[in-house]
Amino acid sequence: MQFGRKDVIGAACAVVSIGLVAWLAHESLASADCRDLLRWHDFASVEGDVADPELEALKSRLETGQGSEAEKACVGRVGLPF
């Protein structure tokens, strides 16, 4: 069996498309992890002032840029959750 030019092009396209899907899935999971780390849904459910002291402390750290390296990276990736 011989592989022609079209076979090689088709295989290359398949590899590129699989790689693109894998990269997009990885980025999506990383964004979801960041939203969990930054407690995105907790901030979304709060209207007005934050009553939870732990959530208020996180908000203060994020606003002043004093969060952990992971929190800073996540703010850079998805932005502030409030």
N, C-alpha and C. Protein backbone atom coordinates (compact mmCIF):
# COMPACT_ATOMS: atom_id res chain seq x y z
N MET A 1 0.85 -1.17 0.00
CA MET A 1 0.00 0.00 0.00
C MET A 1 0.90 1.24 0.00
N GLN A 2 0.55 2.19 -0.83
CA GLN A 2 1.32 3.41 -0.93
C GLN A 2 0.47 4.58 -0.44
N PHE A 3 1.14 5.49 0.23
CA PHE A 3 0.47 6.70 0.68
C PHE A 3 0.80 7.82 -0.28
N GLY A 4 -0.24 8.45 -0.77
CA GLY A 4 -0.06 9.54 -1.70
C GLY A 4 -0.01 10.89 -0.98
N ARG A 5 0.15 11.91 -1.76
CA ARG A 5 0.22 13.27 -1.23
C ARG A 5 -1.05 13.65 -0.48
N LYS A 6 -2.19 13.26 -1.02
CA LYS A 6 -3.47 13.57 -0.38
C LYS A 6 -3.60 12.88 0.98
N ASP A 7 -3.07 11.68 1.09
CA ASP A 7 -3.11 10.97 2.37
C ASP A 7 -2.30 11.70 3.43
N VAL A 8 -1.13 12.17 3.04
CA VAL A 8 -0.26 12.88 3.98
C VAL A 8 -0.90 14.20 4.39
N ILE A 9 -1.49 14.91 3.46
CA ILE A 9 -2.17 16.17 3.77
C ILE A 9 -3.35 15.92 4.68
N GLY A 10 -4.11 14.88 4.44
CA GLY A 10 -5.24 14.52 5.30
C GLY A 10 -4.80 14.17 6.70
N ALA A 11 -3.72 13.43 6.83
CA ALA A 11 -3.19 13.07 8.15
C ALA A 11 -2.70 14.31 8.89
N ALA A 12 -2.04 15.20 8.18
CA ALA A 12 -1.55 16.43 8.81
C ALA A 12 -2.71 17.29 9.29
N CYS A 13 -3.75 17.38 8.50
CA CYS A 13 -4.94 18.15 8.91
C CYS A 13 -5.59 17.51 10.13
N ALA A 14 -5.64 16.20 10.17
CA ALA A 14 -6.23 15.51 11.33
C ALA A 14 -5.41 15.78 12.59
N VAL A 15 -4.09 15.74 12.48
CA VAL A 15 -3.22 15.99 13.64
C VAL A 15 -3.39 17.43 14.12
N VAL A 16 -3.44 18.38 13.20
CA VAL A 16 -3.61 19.79 13.57
C VAL A 16 -4.97 20.00 14.24
N SER A 17 -6.01 19.40 13.70
CA SER A 17 -7.34 19.60 14.29
C SER A 17 -7.44 18.94 15.67
N ILE A 18 -6.86 17.78 15.85
CA ILE A 18 -6.87 17.14 17.17
C ILE A 18 -6.07 17.98 18.16
N GLY A 19 -4.95 18.51 17.74
CA GLY A 19 -4.15 19.37 18.60
C GLY A 19 -4.90 20.64 19.00
N LEU A 20 -5.63 21.23 18.06
CA LEU A 20 -6.40 22.43 18.35
C LEU A 20 -7.52 22.14 19.35
N VAL A 21 -8.20 21.04 19.17
CA VAL A 21 -9.27 20.67 20.10
C VAL A 21 -8.68 20.41 21.49
N ALA A 22 -7.55 19.74 21.57
CA ALA A 22 -6.92 19.47 22.87
C ALA A 22 -6.49 20.77 23.54
N TRP A 23 -5.93 21.70 22.78
CA TRP A 23 -5.50 22.98 23.34
C TRP A 23 -6.70 23.78 23.84
N LEU A 24 -7.77 23.83 23.07
CA LEU A 24 -8.98 24.54 23.49
C LEU A 24 -9.58 23.92 24.74
N ALA A 25 -9.58 22.61 24.83
CA ALA A 25 -10.10 21.94 26.02
C ALA A 25 -9.24 22.27 27.24
N HIS A 26 -7.93 22.29 27.06
CA HIS A 26 -7.02 22.63 28.16
C HIS A 26 -7.26 24.06 28.63
N GLU A 27 -7.41 24.99 27.71
CA GLU A 27 -7.67 26.39 28.07
C GLU A 27 -9.01 26.54 28.79
N SER A 28 -9.99 25.79 28.35
CA SER A 28 -11.30 25.85 28.98
C SER A 28 -11.24 25.33 30.41
N LEU A 29 -10.53 24.24 30.61
CA LEU A 29 -10.37 23.69 31.97
C LEU A 29 -9.58 24.64 32.86
N ALA A 30 -8.56 25.28 32.30
CA ALA A 30 -7.76 26.23 33.08
C ALA A 30 -8.61 27.43 33.50
N SER A 31 -9.46 27.91 32.60
CA SER A 31 -10.35 29.02 32.94
C SER A 31 -11.35 28.61 34.01
N ALA A 32 -11.87 27.40 33.91
CA ALA A 32 -12.81 26.91 34.92
C ALA A 32 -12.13 26.78 36.28
N ASP A 33 -10.90 26.30 36.29
CA ASP A 33 -10.15 26.20 37.54
C ASP A 33 -9.92 27.57 38.15
N CYS A 34 -9.64 28.56 37.30
CA CYS A 34 -9.44 29.92 37.79
C CYS A 34 -10.73 30.49 38.37
N ARG A 35 -11.83 30.22 37.72
CA ARG A 35 -13.10 30.71 38.25
C ARG A 35 -13.40 30.10 39.61
N ASP A 36 -13.02 28.82 39.80
CA ASP A 36 -13.20 28.18 41.10
C ASP A 36 -12.26 28.79 42.14
N LEU A 37 -11.01 29.00 41.78
CA LEU A 37 -10.03 29.56 42.71
C LEU A 37 -10.42 30.96 43.16
N LEU A 38 -10.93 31.75 42.23
CA LEU A 38 -11.31 33.14 42.55
C LEU A 38 -12.73 33.25 43.10
N ARG A 39 -13.38 32.12 43.28
CA ARG A 39 -14.75 32.06 43.83
C ARG A 39 -15.70 32.95 43.02
N TRP A 40 -15.62 32.81 41.71
CA TRP A 40 -16.38 33.63 40.77
C TRP A 40 -17.88 33.59 41.07
N HIS A 41 -18.40 32.39 41.32
CA HIS A 41 -19.85 32.23 41.53
C HIS A 41 -20.28 32.84 42.86
N ASP A 42 -19.40 32.81 43.86
CA ASP A 42 -19.73 33.44 45.14
C ASP A 42 -19.88 34.95 44.98
N PHE A 43 -18.99 35.55 44.21
CA PHE A 43 -19.09 36.98 43.97
C PHE A 43 -20.30 37.32 43.12
N ALA A 44 -20.63 36.44 42.18
CA ALA A 44 -21.78 36.70 41.31
C ALA A 44 -23.09 36.64 42.08
N SER A 45 -23.14 35.83 43.14
CA SER A 45 -24.38 35.69 43.89
C SER A 45 -24.57 36.78 44.94
N VAL A 46 -23.51 37.55 45.21
CA VAL A 46 -23.59 38.61 46.22
C VAL A 46 -24.00 39.91 45.54
N GLU A 47 -25.00 40.55 46.10
CA GLU A 47 -25.41 41.87 45.60
C GLU A 47 -25.03 42.91 46.63
N GLY A 48 -24.32 43.94 46.21
CA GLY A 48 -23.92 44.99 47.15
C GLY A 48 -22.71 44.58 47.96
N ASP A 49 -22.77 44.81 49.25
CA ASP A 49 -21.64 44.52 50.14
C ASP A 49 -21.48 43.02 50.37
N VAL A 50 -20.24 42.62 50.56
CA VAL A 50 -19.92 41.23 50.82
C VAL A 50 -20.04 40.98 52.32
N ALA A 51 -20.85 39.98 52.71
CA ALA A 51 -21.08 39.69 54.12
C ALA A 51 -20.11 38.64 54.66
N ASP A 52 -19.60 37.78 53.79
CA ASP A 52 -18.69 36.71 54.20
C ASP A 52 -17.29 37.29 54.40
N PRO A 53 -16.73 37.21 55.63
CA PRO A 53 -15.41 37.80 55.88
C PRO A 53 -14.29 37.18 55.04
N GLU A 54 -14.40 35.89 54.77
CA GLU A 54 -13.40 35.22 53.96
C GLU A 54 -13.45 35.73 52.51
N LEU A 55 -14.65 35.93 52.00
CA LEU A 55 -14.83 36.46 50.65
C LEU A 55 -14.37 37.91 50.58
N GLU A 56 -14.64 38.67 51.63
CA GLU A 56 -14.20 40.06 51.69
C GLU A 56 -12.67 40.14 51.71
N ALA A 57 -12.02 39.23 52.44
CA ALA A 57 -10.55 39.19 52.48
C ALA A 57 -9.98 38.87 51.10
N LEU A 58 -10.61 37.93 50.40
CA LEU A 58 -10.16 37.59 49.05
C LEU A 58 -10.33 38.79 48.12
N LYS A 59 -11.45 39.47 48.23
CA LYS A 59 -11.68 40.64 47.39
C LYS A 59 -10.63 41.70 47.67
N SER A 60 -10.31 41.94 48.90
CA SER A 60 -9.31 42.93 49.28
C SER A 60 -7.93 42.56 48.73
N ARG A 61 -7.56 41.28 48.88
CA ARG A 61 -6.26 40.83 48.35
C ARG A 61 -6.18 40.99 46.85
N LEU A 62 -7.26 40.65 46.16
CA LEU A 62 -7.24 40.73 44.70
C LEU A 62 -7.20 42.18 44.23
N GLU A 63 -7.92 43.06 44.90
CA GLU A 63 -7.94 44.47 44.51
C GLU A 63 -6.58 45.13 44.70
N THR A 64 -5.87 44.74 45.74
CA THR A 64 -4.58 45.36 46.02
C THR A 64 -3.42 44.62 45.37
N GLY A 65 -3.69 43.51 44.71
CA GLY A 65 -2.64 42.76 44.03
C GLY A 65 -1.78 41.95 44.96
N GLN A 66 -2.29 41.61 46.13
CA GLN A 66 -1.51 40.87 47.13
C GLN A 66 -1.87 39.39 47.16
N GLY A 67 -2.57 38.90 46.17
CA GLY A 67 -2.96 37.49 46.16
C GLY A 67 -1.77 36.59 45.90
N SER A 68 -1.99 35.30 45.99
CA SER A 68 -0.94 34.32 45.72
C SER A 68 -0.59 34.37 44.23
N GLU A 69 0.49 33.69 43.89
CA GLU A 69 0.90 33.65 42.48
C GLU A 69 -0.19 33.03 41.60
N ALA A 70 -0.85 31.99 42.11
CA ALA A 70 -1.94 31.35 41.36
C ALA A 70 -3.11 32.31 41.18
N GLU A 71 -3.44 33.06 42.23
CA GLU A 71 -4.54 34.03 42.13
C GLU A 71 -4.20 35.14 41.15
N LYS A 72 -2.96 35.62 41.18
CA LYS A 72 -2.54 36.67 40.24
C LYS A 72 -2.60 36.17 38.80
N ALA A 73 -2.15 34.93 38.59
CA ALA A 73 -2.19 34.35 37.25
C ALA A 73 -3.63 34.21 36.77
N CYS A 74 -4.51 33.81 37.67
CA CYS A 74 -5.92 33.65 37.30
C CYS A 74 -6.57 34.99 37.01
N VAL A 75 -6.23 36.02 37.77
CA VAL A 75 -6.77 37.36 37.48
C VAL A 75 -6.29 37.80 36.10
N GLY A 76 -5.06 37.49 35.77
CA GLY A 76 -4.56 37.81 34.44
C GLY A 76 -5.27 37.04 33.35
N ARG A 77 -5.67 35.82 33.64
CA ARG A 77 -6.33 34.98 32.65
C ARG A 77 -7.80 35.34 32.46
N VAL A 78 -8.55 35.48 33.57
CA VAL A 78 -10.00 35.67 33.44
C VAL A 78 -10.49 37.01 33.98
N GLY A 79 -9.62 37.78 34.61
CA GLY A 79 -10.04 39.08 35.16
C GLY A 79 -10.56 38.96 36.58
N LEU A 80 -10.88 40.11 37.14
CA LEU A 80 -11.42 40.14 38.50
C LEU A 80 -12.86 39.63 38.50
N PRO A 81 -13.25 38.90 39.55
CA PRO A 81 -14.58 38.31 39.56
C PRO A 81 -15.69 39.25 40.03
N PHE A 82 -15.40 40.49 40.29
CA PHE A 82 -16.40 41.42 40.78
C PHE A 82 -16.40 42.68 39.97
